Amino acid sequence: VGMINLRAETYARKHKVTLIYGHTHYPLRRHLGKGLFAVNSGDLEDSMTVVEWESGSSPRIVRLKQGKEVQQ
């Protein structure tokens, strides 16, 4: 998982993009500076997490527990 996160961050920095990826079971949100992020959504089934991203705002990880949203 560490190598996946490192490669994703490297890609996002090189191409100057916010990158959202997942299915690693380990949610992570890393600010890369200048409004760019690398966001690992984890996965919906095991870690019960999704990424929410509205235009003009920073992406965030939302943890779903027993039908309730818990924001991170």
PDB file of N, CA and C in Angstrom:
ATOM      1  N   VAL A   1       0.825  -1.183   0.000  1.00  0.00           N
ATOM      2  CA  VAL A   1       0.000   0.000   0.000  1.00  0.00           C
ATOM      3  C   VAL A   1       0.873   1.252   0.000  1.00  0.00           C
ATOM      4  N   GLY A   2       1.982   1.207   0.718  1.00  0.00           N
ATOM      5  CA  GLY A   2       2.898   2.345   0.750  1.00  0.00           C
ATOM      6  C   GLY A   2       3.424   2.712  -0.629  1.00  0.00           C
ATOM      7  N   MET A   3       3.769   1.708  -1.434  1.00  0.00           N
ATOM      8  CA  MET A   3       4.266   1.968  -2.790  1.00  0.00           C
ATOM      9  C   MET A   3       3.157   2.535  -3.685  1.00  0.00           C
ATOM     10  N   ILE A   4       1.945   2.063  -3.514  1.00  0.00           N
ATOM     11  CA  ILE A   4       0.825   2.599  -4.293  1.00  0.00           C
ATOM     12  C   ILE A   4       0.632   4.074  -3.973  1.00  0.00           C
ATOM     13  N   ASN A   5       0.636   4.417  -2.681  1.00  0.00           N
ATOM     14  CA  ASN A   5       0.482   5.817  -2.282  1.00  0.00           C
ATOM     15  C   ASN A   5       1.628   6.672  -2.808  1.00  0.00           C
ATOM     16  N   LEU A   6       2.858   6.173  -2.723  1.00  0.00           N
ATOM     17  CA  LEU A   6       4.017   6.918  -3.210  1.00  0.00           C
ATOM     18  C   LEU A   6       3.922   7.169  -4.711  1.00  0.00           C
ATOM     19  N   ARG A   7       3.571   6.149  -5.463  1.00  0.00           N
ATOM     20  CA  ARG A   7       3.449   6.308  -6.921  1.00  0.00           C
ATOM     21  C   ARG A   7       2.320   7.270  -7.284  1.00  0.00           C
ATOM     22  N   ALA A   8       1.222   7.196  -6.558  1.00  0.00           N
ATOM     23  CA  ALA A   8       0.098   8.102  -6.818  1.00  0.00           C
ATOM     24  C   ALA A   8       0.501   9.551  -6.535  1.00  0.00           C
ATOM     25  N   GLU A   9       1.176   9.790  -5.423  1.00  0.00           N
ATOM     26  CA  GLU A   9       1.627  11.141  -5.087  1.00  0.00           C
ATOM     27  C   GLU A   9       2.625  11.654  -6.115  1.00  0.00           C
ATOM     28  N   THR A  10       3.544  10.806  -6.535  1.00  0.00           N
ATOM     29  CA  THR A  10       4.537  11.186  -7.548  1.00  0.00           C
ATOM     30  C   THR A  10       3.845  11.570  -8.851  1.00  0.00           C
ATOM     31  N   TYR A  11       2.868  10.780  -9.271  1.00  0.00           N
ATOM     32  CA  TYR A  11       2.117  11.063 -10.498  1.00  0.00           C
ATOM     33  C   TYR A  11       1.378  12.396 -10.381  1.00  0.00           C
ATOM     34  N   ALA A  12       0.688  12.599  -9.254  1.00  0.00           N
ATOM     35  CA  ALA A  12      -0.092  13.825  -9.057  1.00  0.00           C
ATOM     36  C   ALA A  12       0.809  15.059  -9.079  1.00  0.00           C
ATOM     37  N   ARG A  13       1.962  14.980  -8.430  1.00  0.00           N
ATOM     38  CA  ARG A  13       2.903  16.120  -8.437  1.00  0.00           C
ATOM     39  C   ARG A  13       3.442  16.380  -9.845  1.00  0.00           C
ATOM     40  N   LYS A  14       3.848  15.328 -10.535  1.00  0.00           N
ATOM     41  CA  LYS A  14       4.435  15.462 -11.875  1.00  0.00           C
ATOM     42  C   LYS A  14       3.449  16.086 -12.860  1.00  0.00           C
ATOM     43  N   HIS A  15       2.199  15.630 -12.813  1.00  0.00           N
ATOM     44  CA  HIS A  15       1.198  16.090 -13.772  1.00  0.00           C
ATOM     45  C   HIS A  15       0.339  17.237 -13.245  1.00  0.00           C
ATOM     46  N   LYS A  16       0.630  17.678 -12.000  1.00  0.00           N
ATOM     47  CA  LYS A  16      -0.081  18.790 -11.376  1.00  0.00           C
ATOM     48  C   LYS A  16      -1.599  18.592 -11.400  1.00  0.00           C
ATOM     49  N   VAL A  17      -2.021  17.449 -10.868  1.00  0.00           N
ATOM     50  CA  VAL A  17      -3.439  17.097 -10.805  1.00  0.00           C
ATOM     51  C   VAL A  17      -3.800  16.603  -9.409  1.00  0.00           C
ATOM     52  N   THR A  18      -5.068  16.686  -9.072  1.00  0.00           N
ATOM     53  CA  THR A  18      -5.587  15.986  -7.901  1.00  0.00           C
ATOM     54  C   THR A  18      -5.943  14.589  -8.365  1.00  0.00           C
ATOM     55  N   LEU A  19      -5.432  13.599  -7.659  1.00  0.00           N
ATOM     56  CA  LEU A  19      -5.625  12.200  -8.053  1.00  0.00           C
ATOM     57  C   LEU A  19      -6.429  11.486  -6.978  1.00  0.00           C
ATOM     58  N   ILE A  20      -7.511  10.861  -7.393  1.00  0.00           N
ATOM     59  CA  ILE A  20      -8.327  10.056  -6.482  1.00  0.00           C
ATOM     60  C   ILE A  20      -8.252   8.610  -6.951  1.00  0.00           C
ATOM     61  N   TYR A  21      -7.846   7.732  -6.058  1.00  0.00           N
ATOM     62  CA  TYR A  21      -7.682   6.312  -6.372  1.00  0.00           C
ATOM     63  C   TYR A  21      -8.160   5.519  -5.168  1.00  0.00           C
ATOM     64  N   GLY A  22      -8.151   4.208  -5.241  1.00  0.00           N
ATOM     65  CA  GLY A  22      -8.636   3.474  -4.083  1.00  0.00           C
ATOM     66  C   GLY A  22      -8.577   1.973  -4.217  1.00  0.00           C
ATOM     67  N   HIS A  23      -9.438   1.340  -3.458  1.00  0.00           N
ATOM     68  CA  HIS A  23      -9.558  -0.094  -3.305  1.00  0.00           C
ATOM     69  C   HIS A  23      -8.314  -0.712  -2.649  1.00  0.00           C
ATOM     70  N   THR A  24      -7.655   0.035  -1.807  1.00  0.00           N
ATOM     71  CA  THR A  24      -6.510  -0.496  -1.070  1.00  0.00           C
ATOM     72  C   THR A  24      -6.895  -0.859   0.362  1.00  0.00           C
ATOM     73  N   HIS A  25      -8.096  -0.491   0.784  1.00  0.00           N
ATOM     74  CA  HIS A  25      -8.609  -0.726   2.135  1.00  0.00           C
ATOM     75  C   HIS A  25      -7.981   0.208   3.178  1.00  0.00           C
ATOM     76  N   TYR A  26      -7.162   1.170   2.739  1.00  0.00           N
ATOM     77  CA  TYR A  26      -6.523   2.115   3.653  1.00  0.00           C
ATOM     78  C   TYR A  26      -6.740   3.542   3.155  1.00  0.00           C
ATOM     79  N   PRO A  27      -7.809   4.218   3.615  1.00  0.00           N
ATOM     80  CA  PRO A  27      -8.070   5.573   3.149  1.00  0.00           C
ATOM     81  C   PRO A  27      -6.965   6.538   3.578  1.00  0.00           C
ATOM     82  N   LEU A  28      -6.662   7.470   2.690  1.00  0.00           N
ATOM     83  CA  LEU A  28      -5.603   8.450   2.952  1.00  0.00           C
ATOM     84  C   LEU A  28      -5.895   9.713   2.151  1.00  0.00           C
ATOM     85  N   ARG A  29      -5.705  10.870   2.755  1.00  0.00           N
ATOM     86  CA  ARG A  29      -5.842  12.148   2.052  1.00  0.00           C
ATOM     87  C   ARG A  29      -4.571  12.941   2.311  1.00  0.00           C
ATOM     88  N   ARG A  30      -3.835  13.237   1.274  1.00  0.00           N
ATOM     89  CA  ARG A  30      -2.575  13.968   1.425  1.00  0.00           C
ATOM     90  C   ARG A  30      -2.608  15.241   0.593  1.00  0.00           C
ATOM     91  N   HIS A  31      -2.393  16.382   1.251  1.00  0.00           N
ATOM     92  CA  HIS A  31      -2.323  17.662   0.544  1.00  0.00           C
ATOM     93  C   HIS A  31      -0.914  17.792  -0.036  1.00  0.00           C
ATOM     94  N   LEU A  32      -0.829  18.046  -1.338  1.00  0.00           N
ATOM     95  CA  LEU A  32       0.463  18.115  -2.026  1.00  0.00           C
ATOM     96  C   LEU A  32       0.910  19.547  -2.277  1.00  0.00           C
ATOM     97  N   GLY A  33       0.162  20.516  -1.773  1.00  0.00           N
ATOM     98  CA  GLY A  33       0.482  21.925  -1.991  1.00  0.00           C
ATOM     99  C   GLY A  33      -0.218  22.460  -3.229  1.00  0.00           C
ATOM    100  N   LYS A  34      -0.363  23.771  -3.275  1.00  0.00           N
ATOM    101  CA  LYS A  34      -0.969  24.467  -4.423  1.00  0.00           C
ATOM    102  C   LYS A  34      -2.333  23.906  -4.796  1.00  0.00           C
ATOM    103  N   GLY A  35      -3.116  23.493  -3.793  1.00  0.00           N
ATOM    104  CA  GLY A  35      -4.468  23.013  -4.027  1.00  0.00           C
ATOM    105  C   GLY A  35      -4.565  21.620  -4.610  1.00  0.00           C
ATOM    106  N   LEU A  36      -3.456  20.873  -4.655  1.00  0.00           N
ATOM    107  CA  LEU A  36      -3.460  19.521  -5.203  1.00  0.00           C
ATOM    108  C   LEU A  36      -3.496  18.487  -4.083  1.00  0.00           C
ATOM    109  N   PHE A  37      -4.172  17.369  -4.344  1.00  0.00           N
ATOM    110  CA  PHE A  37      -4.309  16.311  -3.354  1.00  0.00           C
ATOM    111  C   PHE A  37      -4.088  14.950  -3.995  1.00  0.00           C
ATOM    112  N   ALA A  38      -3.633  14.012  -3.192  1.00  0.00           N
ATOM    113  CA  ALA A  38      -3.657  12.595  -3.534  1.00  0.00           C
ATOM    114  C   ALA A  38      -4.603  11.976  -2.510  1.00  0.00           C
ATOM    115  N   VAL A  39      -5.682  11.381  -2.980  1.00  0.00           N
ATOM    116  CA  VAL A  39      -6.711  10.865  -2.085  1.00  0.00           C
ATOM    117  C   VAL A  39      -6.967   9.397  -2.404  1.00  0.00           C
ATOM    118  N   ASN A  40      -6.732   8.546  -1.422  1.00  0.00           N
ATOM    119  CA  ASN A  40      -7.002   7.125  -1.536  1.00  0.00           C
ATOM    120  C   ASN A  40      -8.344   6.889  -0.857  1.00  0.00           C
ATOM    121  N   SER A  41      -9.328   6.491  -1.628  1.00  0.00           N
ATOM    122  CA  SER A  41     -10.678   6.349  -1.082  1.00  0.00           C
ATOM    123  C   SER A  41     -10.851   5.141  -0.161  1.00  0.00           C
ATOM    124  N   GLY A  42      -9.842   4.304  -0.062  1.00  0.00           N
ATOM    125  CA  GLY A  42      -9.999   3.072   0.722  1.00  0.00           C
ATOM    126  C   GLY A  42     -10.896   2.144  -0.062  1.00  0.00           C
ATOM    127  N   ASP A  43     -12.025   1.755   0.506  1.00  0.00           N
ATOM    128  CA  ASP A  43     -13.039   1.019  -0.246  1.00  0.00           C
ATOM    129  C   ASP A  43     -14.350   1.067   0.516  1.00  0.00           C
ATOM    130  N   LEU A  44     -15.410   0.890  -0.187  1.00  0.00           N
ATOM    131  CA  LEU A  44     -16.736   1.023   0.409  1.00  0.00           C
ATOM    132  C   LEU A  44     -17.109  -0.169   1.286  1.00  0.00           C
ATOM    133  N   GLU A  45     -16.694  -1.372   0.902  1.00  0.00           N
ATOM    134  CA  GLU A  45     -17.164  -2.556   1.623  1.00  0.00           C
ATOM    135  C   GLU A  45     -16.426  -2.807   2.942  1.00  0.00           C
ATOM    136  N   ASP A  46     -15.085  -2.797   2.937  1.00  0.00           N
ATOM    137  CA  ASP A  46     -14.333  -3.123   4.160  1.00  0.00           C
ATOM    138  C   ASP A  46     -14.135  -1.922   5.074  1.00  0.00           C
ATOM    139  N   SER A  47     -13.560  -0.839   4.543  1.00  0.00           N
ATOM    140  CA  SER A  47     -13.294   0.312   5.405  1.00  0.00           C
ATOM    141  C   SER A  47     -14.471   1.275   5.451  1.00  0.00           C
ATOM    142  N   MET A  48     -15.516   1.001   4.639  1.00  0.00           N
ATOM    143  CA  MET A  48     -16.733   1.827   4.620  1.00  0.00           C
ATOM    144  C   MET A  48     -16.429   3.299   4.360  1.00  0.00           C
ATOM    145  N   THR A  49     -15.565   3.581   3.382  1.00  0.00           N
ATOM    146  CA  THR A  49     -15.191   4.952   3.080  1.00  0.00           C
ATOM    147  C   THR A  49     -15.442   5.286   1.612  1.00  0.00           C
ATOM    148  N   VAL A  50     -15.756   6.539   1.377  1.00  0.00           N
ATOM    149  CA  VAL A  50     -15.910   7.089   0.032  1.00  0.00           C
ATOM    150  C   VAL A  50     -15.272   8.476   0.024  1.00  0.00           C
ATOM    151  N   VAL A  51     -15.006   8.991  -1.169  1.00  0.00           N
ATOM    152  CA  VAL A  51     -14.490  10.355  -1.303  1.00  0.00           C
ATOM    153  C   VAL A  51     -15.626  11.246  -1.773  1.00  0.00           C
ATOM    154  N   GLU A  52     -15.749  12.394  -1.127  1.00  0.00           N
ATOM    155  CA  GLU A  52     -16.719  13.398  -1.540  1.00  0.00           C
ATOM    156  C   GLU A  52     -15.936  14.621  -1.999  1.00  0.00           C
ATOM    157  N   TRP A  53     -16.265  15.117  -3.188  1.00  0.00           N
ATOM    158  CA  TRP A  53     -15.521  16.253  -3.729  1.00  0.00           C
ATOM    159  C   TRP A  53     -16.472  17.132  -4.509  1.00  0.00           C
ATOM    160  N   GLU A  54     -16.701  18.320  -3.995  1.00  0.00           N
ATOM    161  CA  GLU A  54     -17.551  19.290  -4.656  1.00  0.00           C
ATOM    162  C   GLU A  54     -16.681  20.309  -5.367  1.00  0.00           C
ATOM    163  N   SER A  55     -17.172  20.819  -6.470  1.00  0.00           N
ATOM    164  CA  SER A  55     -16.440  21.817  -7.236  1.00  0.00           C
ATOM    165  C   SER A  55     -16.060  23.006  -6.345  1.00  0.00           C
ATOM    166  N   GLY A  56     -14.807  23.400  -6.411  1.00  0.00           N
ATOM    167  CA  GLY A  56     -14.334  24.543  -5.636  1.00  0.00           C
ATOM    168  C   GLY A  56     -13.922  24.225  -4.214  1.00  0.00           C
ATOM    169  N   SER A  57     -13.994  22.952  -3.811  1.00  0.00           N
ATOM    170  CA  SER A  57     -13.602  22.590  -2.448  1.00  0.00           C
ATOM    171  C   SER A  57     -12.546  21.487  -2.483  1.00  0.00           C
ATOM    172  N   SER A  58     -11.993  21.182  -1.325  1.00  0.00           N
ATOM    173  CA  SER A  58     -11.006  20.110  -1.211  1.00  0.00           C
ATOM    174  C   SER A  58     -11.714  18.766  -1.093  1.00  0.00           C
ATOM    175  N   PRO A  59     -11.150  17.716  -1.692  1.00  0.00           N
ATOM    176  CA  PRO A  59     -11.755  16.392  -1.519  1.00  0.00           C
ATOM    177  C   PRO A  59     -11.651  15.945  -0.065  1.00  0.00           C
ATOM    178  N   ARG A  60     -12.639  15.174   0.376  1.00  0.00           N
ATOM    179  CA  ARG A  60     -12.586  14.680   1.751  1.00  0.00           C
ATOM    180  C   ARG A  60     -13.053  13.237   1.783  1.00  0.00           C
ATOM    181  N   ILE A  61     -12.571  12.530   2.763  1.00  0.00           N
ATOM    182  CA  ILE A  61     -12.952  11.129   2.955  1.00  0.00           C
ATOM    183  C   ILE A  61     -14.127  11.090   3.921  1.00  0.00           C
ATOM    184  N   VAL A  62     -15.161  10.372   3.534  1.00  0.00           N
ATOM    185  CA  VAL A  62     -16.340  10.217   4.388  1.00  0.00           C
ATOM    186  C   VAL A  62     -16.424   8.751   4.774  1.00  0.00           C
ATOM    187  N   ARG A  63     -16.428   8.498   6.075  1.00  0.00           N
ATOM    188  CA  ARG A  63     -16.549   7.129   6.585  1.00  0.00           C
ATOM    189  C   ARG A  63     -18.019   6.868   6.902  1.00  0.00           C
ATOM    190  N   LEU A  64     -18.547   5.798   6.344  1.00  0.00           N
ATOM    191  CA  LEU A  64     -19.953   5.441   6.542  1.00  0.00           C
ATOM    192  C   LEU A  64     -20.028   4.335   7.592  1.00  0.00           C
ATOM    193  N   LYS A  65     -20.722   4.594   8.685  1.00  0.00           N
ATOM    194  CA  LYS A  65     -20.860   3.589   9.739  1.00  0.00           C
ATOM    195  C   LYS A  65     -22.319   3.437  10.089  1.00  0.00           C
ATOM    196  N   GLN A  66     -22.833   2.246   9.922  1.00  0.00           N
ATOM    197  CA  GLN A  66     -24.197   1.912  10.300  1.00  0.00           C
ATOM    198  C   GLN A  66     -25.193   2.959   9.800  1.00  0.00           C
ATOM    199  N   GLY A  67     -25.042   3.349   8.530  1.00  0.00           N
ATOM    200  CA  GLY A  67     -25.975   4.283   7.931  1.00  0.00           C
ATOM    201  C   GLY A  67     -25.718   5.745   8.248  1.00  0.00           C
ATOM    202  N   LYS A  68     -24.659   6.055   9.032  1.00  0.00           N
ATOM    203  CA  LYS A  68     -24.355   7.438   9.369  1.00  0.00           C
ATOM    204  C   LYS A  68     -23.041   7.848   8.720  1.00  0.00           C
ATOM    205  N   GLU A  69     -22.951   9.122   8.320  1.00  0.00           N
ATOM    206  CA  GLU A  69     -21.703   9.627   7.752  1.00  0.00           C
ATOM    207  C   GLU A  69     -20.832  10.188   8.872  1.00  0.00           C
ATOM    208  N   VAL A  70     -19.548   9.833   8.866  1.00  0.00           N
ATOM    209  CA  VAL A  70     -18.570  10.380   9.800  1.00  0.00           C
ATOM    210  C   VAL A  70     -17.461  10.967   8.951  1.00  0.00           C
ATOM    211  N   GLN A  71     -17.343  12.294   8.897  1.00  0.00           N
ATOM    212  CA  GLN A  71     -16.378  12.944   8.016  1.00  0.00           C
ATOM    213  C   GLN A  71     -14.989  12.958   8.624  1.00  0.00           C
ATOM    214  N   GLN A  72     -13.973  12.784   7.735  1.00  0.00           N
ATOM    215  CA  GLN A  72     -12.571  12.830   8.162  1.00  0.00           C
ATOM    216  C   GLN A  72     -11.885  13.984   7.491  1.00  0.00           C
TER     217      GLN A  72
END
